[in-house]
Protein backbone atom coordinates (compact mmCIF):
# COMPACT_ATOMS: atom_id res chain seq x y z
CA MET A 1 0.00 -0.11 0.10
CA ALA A 2 1.16 3.42 -0.84
CA THR A 3 2.31 5.89 2.02
CA GLY A 4 2.88 9.23 0.03
CA LEU A 5 6.13 10.68 -1.20
CA ASN A 6 9.24 10.67 -0.05
CA VAL A 7 10.07 13.86 1.75
CA ALA A 8 13.30 13.64 0.67
CA ASP A 9 12.07 14.17 -2.81
CA PHE A 10 11.55 18.42 -1.61
CA VAL A 11 14.17 18.61 1.10
CA SER A 12 17.39 16.58 0.98
CA VAL A 13 19.55 16.73 3.79
CA SER A 14 22.67 15.45 4.14
CA VAL A 15 24.98 15.38 7.97
CA THR A 16 28.78 15.31 7.75
CA ILE A 17 30.71 14.72 10.99
CA SER A 18 33.89 16.54 11.10
CA PRO A 19 36.96 14.39 11.81
CA LYS A 20 38.48 14.39 15.66
CA ALA A 21 41.27 16.41 16.09
CA ALA A 22 44.42 15.67 16.73
CA GLN A 23 45.17 15.15 20.22
CA TYR A 24 47.82 16.99 22.10
CA ARG A 25 51.27 15.21 23.96
CA ASN A 26 51.23 14.68 27.31
CA PHE A 27 54.54 16.47 28.97
CA GLY A 28 53.44 14.58 32.45
CA ALA A 29 54.04 11.12 30.89
CA GLY A 30 57.36 10.37 32.70
CA LEU A 31 59.12 6.84 31.38
CA ILE A 32 61.93 4.48 34.28
CA LEU A 33 64.12 2.02 32.22
CA GLY A 34 64.73 -0.35 33.66
CA SER A 35 66.13 -4.29 33.64
CA THR A 36 64.56 -6.44 35.53
CA SER A 37 63.87 -9.95 34.13
CA GLY A 38 60.59 -11.55 33.94
CA VAL A 39 58.10 -8.66 33.67
CA ILE A 40 58.07 -6.72 30.84
CA ASP A 41 59.79 -8.63 27.97
CA THR A 42 61.59 -7.54 25.02
CA ALA A 43 59.02 -7.67 22.69
CA GLU A 44 56.21 -6.05 24.99
CA ARG A 45 59.24 -3.05 26.03
CA LEU A 46 56.51 -0.50 27.23
CA ARG A 47 53.87 -0.40 29.73
CA LEU A 48 51.44 2.23 31.42
CA TYR A 49 50.35 2.80 34.72
CA THR A 50 48.45 4.79 36.16
CA SER A 51 49.11 4.42 40.29
CA LEU A 52 52.09 2.42 42.38
CA ASP A 53 49.63 -0.62 43.25
CA GLY A 54 50.21 -1.52 39.49
CA VAL A 55 53.75 -1.11 39.61
CA THR A 56 53.81 -3.19 42.75
CA GLN A 57 51.24 -6.07 42.10
CA ASP A 58 53.93 -6.62 38.61
CA PHE A 59 57.50 -5.74 40.36
CA GLY A 60 57.25 -5.96 44.11
CA THR A 61 58.40 -3.81 46.52
CA THR A 62 62.14 -4.15 46.03
CA ALA A 63 63.14 -4.12 42.47
CA PRO A 64 64.39 -0.17 40.99
CA GLU A 65 61.48 0.06 38.82
CA TYR A 66 59.53 0.00 42.31
CA LEU A 67 61.93 2.08 44.06
CA ALA A 68 61.66 4.71 41.22
CA ALA A 69 58.18 5.05 40.78
CA LYS A 70 57.65 5.00 44.60
CA ASP A 71 59.38 8.30 44.53
CA TYR A 72 57.36 9.33 41.08
CA PHE A 73 54.23 8.68 42.88
CA SER A 74 54.93 10.05 46.06
CA GLN A 75 54.91 13.11 44.35
CA SER A 76 51.82 15.99 45.75
CA PRO A 77 49.94 16.28 43.50
CA GLN A 78 50.49 12.77 42.60
CA PRO A 79 51.66 12.41 38.71
CA ALA A 80 48.56 11.02 36.62
CA VAL A 81 50.45 8.57 34.30
CA LEU A 82 53.97 6.67 34.40
CA TYR A 83 55.58 4.38 31.43
CA VAL A 84 57.89 1.06 32.82
CA GLY A 85 60.22 0.12 29.84
CA ARG A 86 62.64 -2.92 29.59
CA TRP A 87 66.59 -2.49 29.07
CA ALA A 88 68.14 -6.00 27.72
CA GLN A 89 70.92 -4.77 30.19
CA THR A 90 72.14 -8.50 29.93
CA ALA A 91 71.20 -11.19 27.66
CA THR A 92 67.78 -12.50 27.72
CA ARG A 93 66.03 -15.69 27.70
CA GLY A 94 63.49 -17.03 25.16
CA HIS A 95 60.19 -17.32 26.78
CA VAL A 96 56.49 -17.59 25.64
CA ARG A 97 53.42 -16.64 28.24
CA GLY A 98 50.08 -18.62 28.21
CA ALA A 99 46.53 -16.93 27.96
CA SER A 100 45.36 -15.56 31.03
CA LEU A 101 42.67 -18.35 32.53
CA SER A 102 39.57 -17.72 33.27
CA PRO A 103 38.38 -18.30 37.13
CA ALA A 104 37.08 -21.69 35.51
CA GLN A 105 40.19 -22.82 34.18
CA GLN A 106 41.62 -21.75 37.20
CA LEU A 107 40.67 -24.36 39.13
CA LEU A 108 43.08 -26.72 40.71
CA SER A 109 40.97 -29.63 39.75
CA ASN A 110 41.85 -29.50 36.36
CA PHE A 111 45.13 -30.14 37.36
CA THR A 112 44.90 -33.27 39.96
CA SER A 113 42.98 -35.53 38.04
CA VAL A 114 45.92 -36.10 35.68
CA THR A 115 48.64 -38.25 36.05
CA THR A 116 49.97 -39.34 32.86
CA GLY A 117 50.41 -35.54 31.50
CA SER A 118 52.35 -34.87 28.55
CA LEU A 119 53.97 -31.87 26.84
CA SER A 120 55.50 -31.35 23.43
CA ILE A 121 57.29 -28.12 23.42
CA MET A 122 60.21 -26.56 21.19
CA VAL A 123 63.25 -25.24 23.85
CA ASP A 124 66.51 -23.62 22.06
CA GLY A 125 65.51 -25.44 18.94
CA THR A 126 64.73 -28.67 20.06
CA ALA A 127 61.88 -30.74 20.79
CA ARG A 128 61.08 -31.49 24.32
CA ASN A 129 58.34 -34.27 24.65
CA LEU A 130 57.66 -34.86 28.21
CA THR A 131 55.73 -38.05 29.32
CA GLY A 132 54.56 -39.25 32.46
CA ILE A 133 53.62 -35.64 34.33
CA ASN A 134 51.98 -36.17 37.57
CA LEU A 135 49.91 -33.29 38.69
CA SER A 136 47.31 -35.11 41.54
CA GLY A 137 49.60 -33.92 44.28
CA ALA A 138 49.75 -30.60 43.19
CA LEU A 139 48.62 -28.20 46.34
CA ASN A 140 48.43 -24.95 43.83
CA LEU A 141 48.79 -23.47 40.61
CA ASN A 142 52.37 -22.78 41.52
CA ASN A 143 53.44 -26.22 42.36
CA VAL A 144 51.92 -27.16 38.97
CA ALA A 145 54.06 -25.46 37.28
CA SER A 146 56.98 -26.71 39.80
CA ILE A 147 56.25 -30.27 38.90
CA ILE A 148 55.90 -29.30 35.02
CA GLN A 149 59.90 -27.44 35.41
CA THR A 150 61.12 -30.49 37.06
CA ALA A 151 60.40 -32.53 34.43
CA LEU A 152 61.20 -30.28 31.59
CA ALA A 153 64.42 -28.91 33.08
CA ALA A 154 65.34 -32.91 33.03
CA VAL A 155 65.37 -32.31 29.51
CA ALA A 156 66.46 -28.51 28.73
CA PRO A 157 68.70 -27.28 32.12
CA GLY A 158 68.14 -23.95 33.25
CA ALA A 159 64.49 -23.95 31.77
CA VAL A 160 61.80 -21.96 34.25
CA VAL A 161 58.07 -23.08 34.01
CA LYS A 162 56.04 -20.46 36.67
CA TYR A 163 52.68 -19.21 37.14
CA ASP A 164 52.08 -15.84 36.92
CA GLY A 165 49.13 -15.01 39.67
CA VAL A 166 49.16 -11.22 38.60
CA TYR A 167 47.77 -11.95 35.15
CA ASN A 168 46.71 -15.88 36.03
CA ARG A 169 49.29 -17.40 33.52
CA PHE A 170 52.16 -19.87 33.08
CA ASP A 171 55.14 -18.83 31.56
CA VAL A 172 57.50 -21.26 30.60
CA ALA A 173 61.14 -19.72 29.70
CA SER A 174 64.36 -21.34 28.55
CA GLY A 175 67.75 -21.53 30.47
CA THR A 176 69.85 -20.39 28.24
CA THR A 177 69.88 -16.38 26.93
CA GLY A 178 70.81 -14.48 23.94
CA PRO A 179 69.58 -14.93 20.46
CA THR A 180 69.43 -18.55 19.83
CA SER A 181 67.57 -18.83 23.08
CA THR A 182 63.72 -20.24 22.28
CA VAL A 183 60.41 -21.53 23.50
CA SER A 184 57.96 -21.98 20.92
CA TYR A 185 54.30 -22.93 21.20
CA ALA A 186 53.07 -26.10 22.72
CA THR A 187 52.03 -28.34 20.38
CA THR A 188 49.94 -31.87 20.22
CA ALA A 189 51.51 -34.37 22.65
CA PRO A 190 51.67 -37.95 20.75
CA SER A 191 50.78 -39.70 23.87
CA GLY A 192 49.04 -38.83 27.39
CA THR A 193 46.68 -36.53 29.08
CA ASP A 194 47.86 -32.99 26.43
CA LEU A 195 49.07 -29.98 28.97
CA GLY A 196 49.30 -27.61 26.26
CA PRO A 197 45.50 -26.70 26.32
CA LEU A 198 45.42 -27.01 29.27
CA LEU A 199 48.22 -24.65 30.47
CA HIS A 200 46.84 -22.37 27.29
CA LEU A 201 50.38 -22.39 25.55
CA THR A 202 49.15 -23.37 22.05
CA SER A 203 49.30 -21.12 19.41
CA ALA A 204 45.07 -20.94 20.02
CA ASP A 205 45.69 -18.18 22.73
CA ALA A 206 49.28 -17.83 24.11
CA SER A 207 51.05 -14.81 23.58
CA ALA A 208 53.75 -15.04 20.80
CA PRO A 209 56.94 -16.62 21.66
CA VAL A 210 59.49 -14.18 22.35
CA ALA A 211 63.11 -14.74 21.24
CA GLY A 212 66.20 -13.97 23.77
CA MET A 213 68.17 -10.79 22.91
CA ALA A 214 71.96 -10.35 23.34
CA ALA A 215 73.08 -7.62 25.86
CA GLU A 216 71.69 -3.65 24.09
CA SER A 217 73.62 -0.69 25.09
CA LEU A 218 71.64 1.70 27.41
CA VAL A 219 71.26 4.20 23.99
CA SER A 220 70.24 1.30 21.97
CA ALA A 221 67.21 0.29 24.41
CA VAL A 222 66.55 4.32 24.63
CA SER A 223 66.37 4.77 20.79
CA THR A 224 63.98 1.80 20.41
CA LEU A 225 61.78 3.00 22.75
CA ALA A 226 61.80 6.65 21.42
CA ASN A 227 60.63 5.09 17.63
CA GLN A 228 58.06 2.49 19.30
CA SER A 229 56.27 5.10 21.29
CA GLY A 230 56.00 9.28 21.54
CA ALA A 231 53.50 8.77 24.42
CA TRP A 232 56.36 9.29 27.13
CA TYR A 233 58.45 12.77 27.73
CA SER A 234 60.46 12.46 30.75
CA LEU A 235 63.13 9.00 31.12
CA GLN A 236 64.49 7.76 33.95
CA VAL A 237 66.59 4.59 34.50
CA ALA A 238 66.60 2.72 37.35
CA THR A 239 68.51 -0.80 37.12
CA SER A 240 70.52 -2.27 40.12
CA THR A 241 73.87 -1.99 38.62
CA PRO A 242 74.23 1.68 37.22
CA PRO A 243 74.63 2.65 34.14
CA ALA A 244 78.63 3.78 33.19
CA ASP A 245 78.80 7.38 32.91
CA ALA A 246 79.57 7.28 28.76
CA ASP A 247 76.19 5.76 28.85
CA HIS A 248 74.69 8.61 30.33
CA LEU A 249 76.10 10.89 28.06
CA ALA A 250 75.45 8.93 25.04
CA VAL A 251 71.70 8.90 25.87
CA ALA A 252 72.13 12.75 26.71
CA ALA A 253 73.18 13.22 23.49
CA LEU A 254 70.84 11.22 21.84
CA ILE A 255 67.74 13.10 23.92
CA GLU A 256 69.41 15.88 22.57
CA GLY A 257 69.18 15.15 18.99
CA LEU A 258 65.35 13.82 18.80
CA SER A 259 62.99 15.73 16.56
CA THR A 260 61.27 18.72 18.15
CA SER A 261 57.97 17.18 17.05
CA GLN A 262 59.05 14.34 19.78
CA SER A 263 61.31 16.20 22.20
CA ARG A 264 62.50 14.18 25.49
CA ILE A 265 63.99 15.39 28.39
CA TYR A 266 66.37 13.09 30.72
CA GLY A 267 67.29 12.65 33.95
CA ALA A 268 69.79 11.57 36.12
CA THR A 269 70.61 10.63 39.99
CA LEU A 270 74.25 11.59 41.04
CA GLN A 271 75.57 9.72 43.55
CA ASN A 272 78.96 10.12 43.39
CA ALA A 273 80.27 12.80 45.82
CA ASN A 274 82.69 13.89 43.46
CA VAL A 275 80.09 16.37 42.10
CA LEU A 276 80.84 18.01 45.39
CA ASP A 277 84.74 18.32 44.54
CA SER A 278 85.77 22.09 43.07
CA THR A 279 89.31 20.36 41.80
CA THR A 280 87.53 17.94 39.40
CA SER A 281 85.62 18.05 36.47
CA ALA A 282 85.54 14.55 35.40
CA ASP A 283 82.15 14.00 37.33
CA LEU A 284 79.00 13.19 35.43
CA ALA A 285 77.73 16.91 36.47
CA SER A 286 80.61 18.83 34.99
CA GLN A 287 80.67 16.68 31.61
CA PHE A 288 76.83 16.96 31.52
CA LYS A 289 77.43 20.82 31.58
CA THR A 290 80.56 20.62 29.07
CA GLY A 291 78.37 18.99 26.94
CA ASN A 292 76.20 21.62 27.22
CA PHE A 293 72.62 19.75 27.53
CA SER A 294 69.55 21.55 27.35
CA ARG A 295 67.33 18.16 27.52
CA THR A 296 69.22 16.66 30.03
CA PHE A 297 69.08 17.12 34.26
CA SER A 298 70.76 16.08 36.74
CA GLN A 299 70.17 15.51 40.87
CA PHE A 300 73.03 15.11 43.50
CA SER A 301 71.53 12.25 46.10
CA ARG A 302 73.51 10.25 48.61
CA ASN A 303 70.48 8.98 50.09
CA ASP A 304 67.94 7.99 47.03
CA PRO A 305 69.46 6.54 43.39
CA TYR A 306 66.33 7.75 41.94
CA ALA A 307 66.16 10.82 42.93
CA ALA A 308 65.83 12.67 39.78
CA GLU A 309 62.34 10.94 39.13
CA SER A 310 60.68 12.65 42.12
CA LEU A 311 61.93 16.13 40.73
CA PHE A 312 60.67 15.26 37.54
CA GLY A 313 57.50 13.95 39.27
CA ARG A 314 56.38 17.10 40.62
CA PHE A 315 56.56 18.57 36.85
CA ALA A 316 54.42 15.85 35.83
CA THR A 317 51.40 17.46 37.90
CA VAL A 318 51.09 20.46 35.65
CA ASP A 319 47.89 21.22 34.04
CA TYR A 320 48.45 23.29 30.65
CA GLU A 321 45.47 24.15 30.12
CA GLY A 322 44.65 25.83 33.63
CA SER A 323 45.34 29.28 35.25
CA ASN A 324 48.17 29.94 37.28
CA THR A 325 49.28 26.01 36.57
CA THR A 326 53.43 26.29 35.79
CA ILE A 327 55.51 26.08 38.19
CA THR A 328 59.16 26.29 38.86
CA GLY A 329 60.99 23.37 40.62
CA ALA A 330 62.61 25.27 43.01
CA TYR A 331 61.70 25.43 46.35
CA LYS A 332 59.60 22.10 46.11
CA GLN A 333 59.69 19.14 48.02
CA GLU A 334 60.80 15.57 47.24
CA PRO A 335 58.29 13.22 49.17
CA GLY A 336 60.02 10.17 50.45
CA VAL A 337 64.21 11.34 49.60
CA ALA A 338 66.13 12.35 52.45
CA ALA A 339 67.57 16.09 51.95
CA GLU A 340 70.98 16.00 51.62
CA VAL A 341 73.14 18.03 54.18
CA LEU A 342 75.94 20.27 52.32
CA THR A 343 78.09 23.25 53.24
CA GLU A 344 77.57 26.50 51.50
CA SER A 345 80.77 25.20 49.27
CA GLN A 346 79.39 22.38 48.49
CA PHE A 347 76.39 23.89 47.72
CA GLY A 348 77.88 26.18 45.37
CA GLN A 349 79.79 23.46 43.11
CA ILE A 350 76.16 22.24 42.52
CA LYS A 351 74.84 25.57 41.33
CA ALA A 352 78.75 25.86 39.51
CA LYS A 353 77.79 22.51 37.82
CA ASN A 354 74.41 22.89 36.75
CA THR A 355 73.34 20.09 39.00
CA ASN A 356 69.96 19.67 41.12
CA VAL A 357 69.64 18.96 44.68
CA PHE A 358 67.08 18.21 47.78
CA VAL A 359 69.02 20.29 50.20
CA SER A 360 68.20 20.99 54.17
CA VAL A 361 67.87 24.61 55.30
CA GLN A 362 68.76 25.45 58.53
CA ASN A 363 65.12 27.50 58.82
CA GLY A 364 64.05 23.78 59.29
CA THR A 365 62.68 23.17 55.67
CA ASN A 366 63.98 21.14 52.53
CA ILE A 367 63.83 22.26 49.21
CA ILE A 368 64.59 21.08 45.89
CA PHE A 369 66.92 23.97 44.09
CA PRO A 370 68.01 25.76 41.52
CA ALA A 371 66.13 22.87 39.32
CA VAL A 372 68.32 23.35 36.21
CA MET A 373 69.29 21.85 33.07
CA ALA A 374 73.03 20.82 32.12
CA ASN A 375 73.38 23.66 30.01
CA GLY A 376 72.00 26.20 32.56
CA ASP A 377 68.09 26.92 31.43
CA TYR A 378 65.13 26.35 33.93
CA ILE A 379 63.69 23.15 33.42
CA ASP A 380 60.06 24.44 34.03
CA GLU A 381 61.18 26.78 30.94
CA ARG A 382 62.23 24.28 29.27
CA ILE A 383 59.16 21.77 29.11
CA GLY A 384 56.78 24.93 29.18
CA ALA A 385 58.66 25.59 25.88
CA ASP A 386 58.41 21.88 24.45
CA TRP A 387 54.51 22.52 25.41
CA LEU A 388 54.14 25.43 23.85
CA GLN A 389 55.82 24.09 20.52
CA ASN A 390 53.49 21.15 20.60
CA ARG A 391 50.37 23.65 21.41
CA ILE A 392 50.66 25.62 18.41
CA GLN A 393 51.78 22.76 15.96
CA THR A 394 48.73 20.41 17.07
CA ASP A 395 46.54 23.59 16.91
CA CYS A 396 47.51 24.82 13.36
CA TYR A 397 47.92 20.83 12.21
CA ASN A 398 43.98 20.80 13.29
CA LEU A 399 43.01 24.12 11.62
CA LEU A 400 44.24 22.47 8.08
CA TYR A 401 42.56 19.00 9.05
CA THR A 402 39.38 20.00 10.28
CA THR A 403 38.87 22.44 8.02
CA ALA A 404 36.03 21.16 5.46
CA THR A 405 37.30 23.46 2.72
CA LYS A 406 40.18 25.16 2.89
CA VAL A 407 42.79 27.52 4.24
CA PRO A 408 43.28 30.10 1.39
CA GLN A 409 46.56 30.50 0.27
CA THR A 410 45.75 34.45 0.99
CA ASP A 411 46.02 37.43 3.36
CA ALA A 412 42.77 35.87 4.87
CA GLY A 413 43.80 32.73 5.21
CA MET A 414 47.26 33.77 7.10
CA SER A 415 44.85 35.89 9.07
CA LEU A 416 43.31 32.32 10.35
CA ILE A 417 46.73 30.81 11.19
CA LYS A 418 48.09 33.77 13.58
CA THR A 419 44.16 33.45 15.16
CA VAL A 420 44.89 30.06 15.89
CA ILE A 421 48.81 30.74 17.09
CA ALA A 422 47.59 33.86 19.24
CA ASN A 423 44.69 31.38 20.96
CA ALA A 424 47.70 29.35 21.95
CA CYS A 425 49.67 32.26 22.98
CA THR A 426 46.75 33.18 25.10
CA VAL A 427 46.48 29.72 26.59
CA ALA A 428 50.07 30.00 27.65
CA VAL A 429 49.37 33.68 29.20
CA ASN A 430 47.01 32.04 31.45
CA ASN A 431 48.82 29.28 32.99
CA GLY A 432 51.42 31.27 33.63
CA PHE A 433 54.35 30.60 31.20
CA ILE A 434 54.52 33.97 29.50
CA ALA A 435 53.36 37.48 30.47
CA PRO A 436 53.43 40.68 29.66
CA GLY A 437 56.65 42.59 29.18
CA THR A 438 59.74 44.44 27.94
CA TRP A 439 60.93 43.19 24.75
CA LEU A 440 64.50 42.28 24.95
CA GLY A 441 64.97 40.70 21.89
CA PRO A 442 65.49 41.65 18.47
CA SER A 443 63.13 43.80 16.16
CA VAL A 444 60.81 41.46 14.40
CA GLY A 445 58.06 43.64 12.00
CA THR A 446 56.66 46.80 13.94
CA LEU A 447 58.41 45.09 17.25
CA ARG A 448 61.20 46.70 18.56
CA THR A 449 63.67 45.89 21.04
CA PHE A 450 62.54 47.10 24.65
CA ASP A 451 59.05 47.72 23.21
CA VAL A 452 56.83 46.62 26.04
CA LEU A 453 54.62 43.33 25.13
CA THR A 454 51.19 44.21 26.64
CA SER A 455 49.82 40.85 25.44
CA GLY A 456 52.77 38.95 26.34
CA PHE A 457 53.52 37.71 23.01
CA TYR A 458 53.48 39.51 19.14
CA ILE A 459 53.14 37.43 16.20
CA PHE A 460 54.76 39.14 13.00
CA ALA A 461 53.21 37.29 9.31
CA PRO A 462 54.32 39.59 6.05
CA PRO A 463 51.51 40.01 3.69
CA VAL A 464 51.27 36.65 0.96
CA SER A 465 52.27 39.58 -1.99
CA THR A 466 55.57 39.46 -0.83
CA GLN A 467 56.11 35.61 -0.98
CA SER A 468 58.11 33.85 -3.51
CA GLN A 469 56.80 31.97 -7.09
CA ALA A 470 58.63 28.89 -5.44
CA ASP A 471 57.09 28.78 -2.48
CA ARG A 472 53.63 29.82 -3.27
CA ALA A 473 53.73 26.97 -5.92
CA ALA A 474 54.00 24.65 -3.14
CA ARG A 475 51.45 25.55 -0.95
CA LYS A 476 53.16 27.09 1.52
CA SER A 477 52.05 29.58 3.74
CA VAL A 478 53.94 33.08 4.51
CA PRO A 479 56.63 32.44 7.65
CA PHE A 480 55.37 33.42 11.16
CA GLN A 481 57.43 35.21 13.44
CA VAL A 482 56.23 34.47 17.42
CA CYS A 483 57.81 36.45 20.29
CA CYS A 484 56.79 35.56 23.41
CA LYS A 485 57.93 36.79 27.20
CA LEU A 486 58.24 34.22 29.77
CA ALA A 487 56.89 35.04 33.07
CA GLY A 488 60.26 33.78 34.70
CA ALA A 489 59.97 33.28 38.47
CA VAL A 490 61.80 34.72 41.29
CA HIS A 491 64.51 32.30 43.08
CA LEU A 492 66.38 34.76 45.12
CA ILE A 493 65.15 37.96 46.93
CA SER A 494 67.50 40.81 47.52
CA ILE A 495 66.39 43.16 51.03
CA SER A 496 68.06 46.15 52.01
CA VAL A 497 66.43 48.19 55.09
CA LEU A 498 67.71 51.10 56.46
CA LEU A 499 66.72 52.06 59.92
CA ASP A 500 66.61 55.57 61.14
CA ARG A 501 66.33 56.87 64.67
């Protein structure tokens, strides 16, 4: 039966949803790079945590990764996210991880009913066919793993089978290390009760096997993690055997050379007291300073090998979208870190070598000071500059990406870009990173040295008519120059009091 004409014959409506804008980077995401085995392997490399509880579940309370994370998450306010990465500081074992077991699959009765179990699995390239495994006396799943390990180690010395109670899965690792160290999926056993499916170690649901690897340098591990993820911003190392000075310097050089679109910073805790010695320049702080590294900071602490993690943890809490939210690192606290008691001369060396310290003051307080990078720049200005670069870059990209038609190559189009840049700079004024003040830089456009930047920033863009034919043919914008006045921060106060009778 006819119901009448379609209303689309008269009014046609189409709806287009604009694409989601690109997201800003998180400059409060720290990375702790450790070498503890059996948690994060060299295939996964990187794991995200949102609390110390998660780190504790994976690493316990004695691993360097936990101790560094404790300093990080102990800051107030508390940082929101932390990454932990894996460095193959020594050669690693090949292994395979089984699938996570459901509550029903974890029932001990599933395993104790097995009296003639079999497991077929390749270890180091050789088939290992285990038979006659009796699990009837197992007291728990850890005991199940132990019984199977005994059988496997008899034919593959040093092999390890364990049950991971955090992720509820079985893990089989080779007894050897290096590139030839391998463990395959479990395959169908020729006789007896096949334990492969019961342990969930088959290709049906187990994680992909991970081969061992030779020991790698610290800088190689950092390069791998930088290529793998742009999510982390600040890096600190937490290992039982500290890196050599040469390793620290290699990483500082790598971090310095990364592209501005994936800028990072590196923090190192110095425990060698030679940093306090005015007669030496061989200490790591002096070498960082000599290298003029603008993206590396260090902190001296005899009491805590991961104190620098606490220093960055304080910066990790800054919300750049807020009002008056930017901070200086000086005069801040490091909860859980014991303050250093220094002489005036020793404190002078700390400042002279552009390193930092959480230091005791005679008035009963403890403070971080001076909060600088190795080249003398203030840490807050380094992070803030990276944030502003990313804010302007992302906002301009989103202008191009979300504009349904186009940004014309005209003065009107340049005005659109200029407005986007101005909006980003306004956020920087609101959060306290830049502020009105006298411009002491070179003359740009109509701005002259010693002019007052009443808004805190000035943006210059030449007319499109001045653009070269080559740039116009390449569809480039005119070059924009942005002049910003840093708000700075007061670290020292000088007061002269005159008393008159």
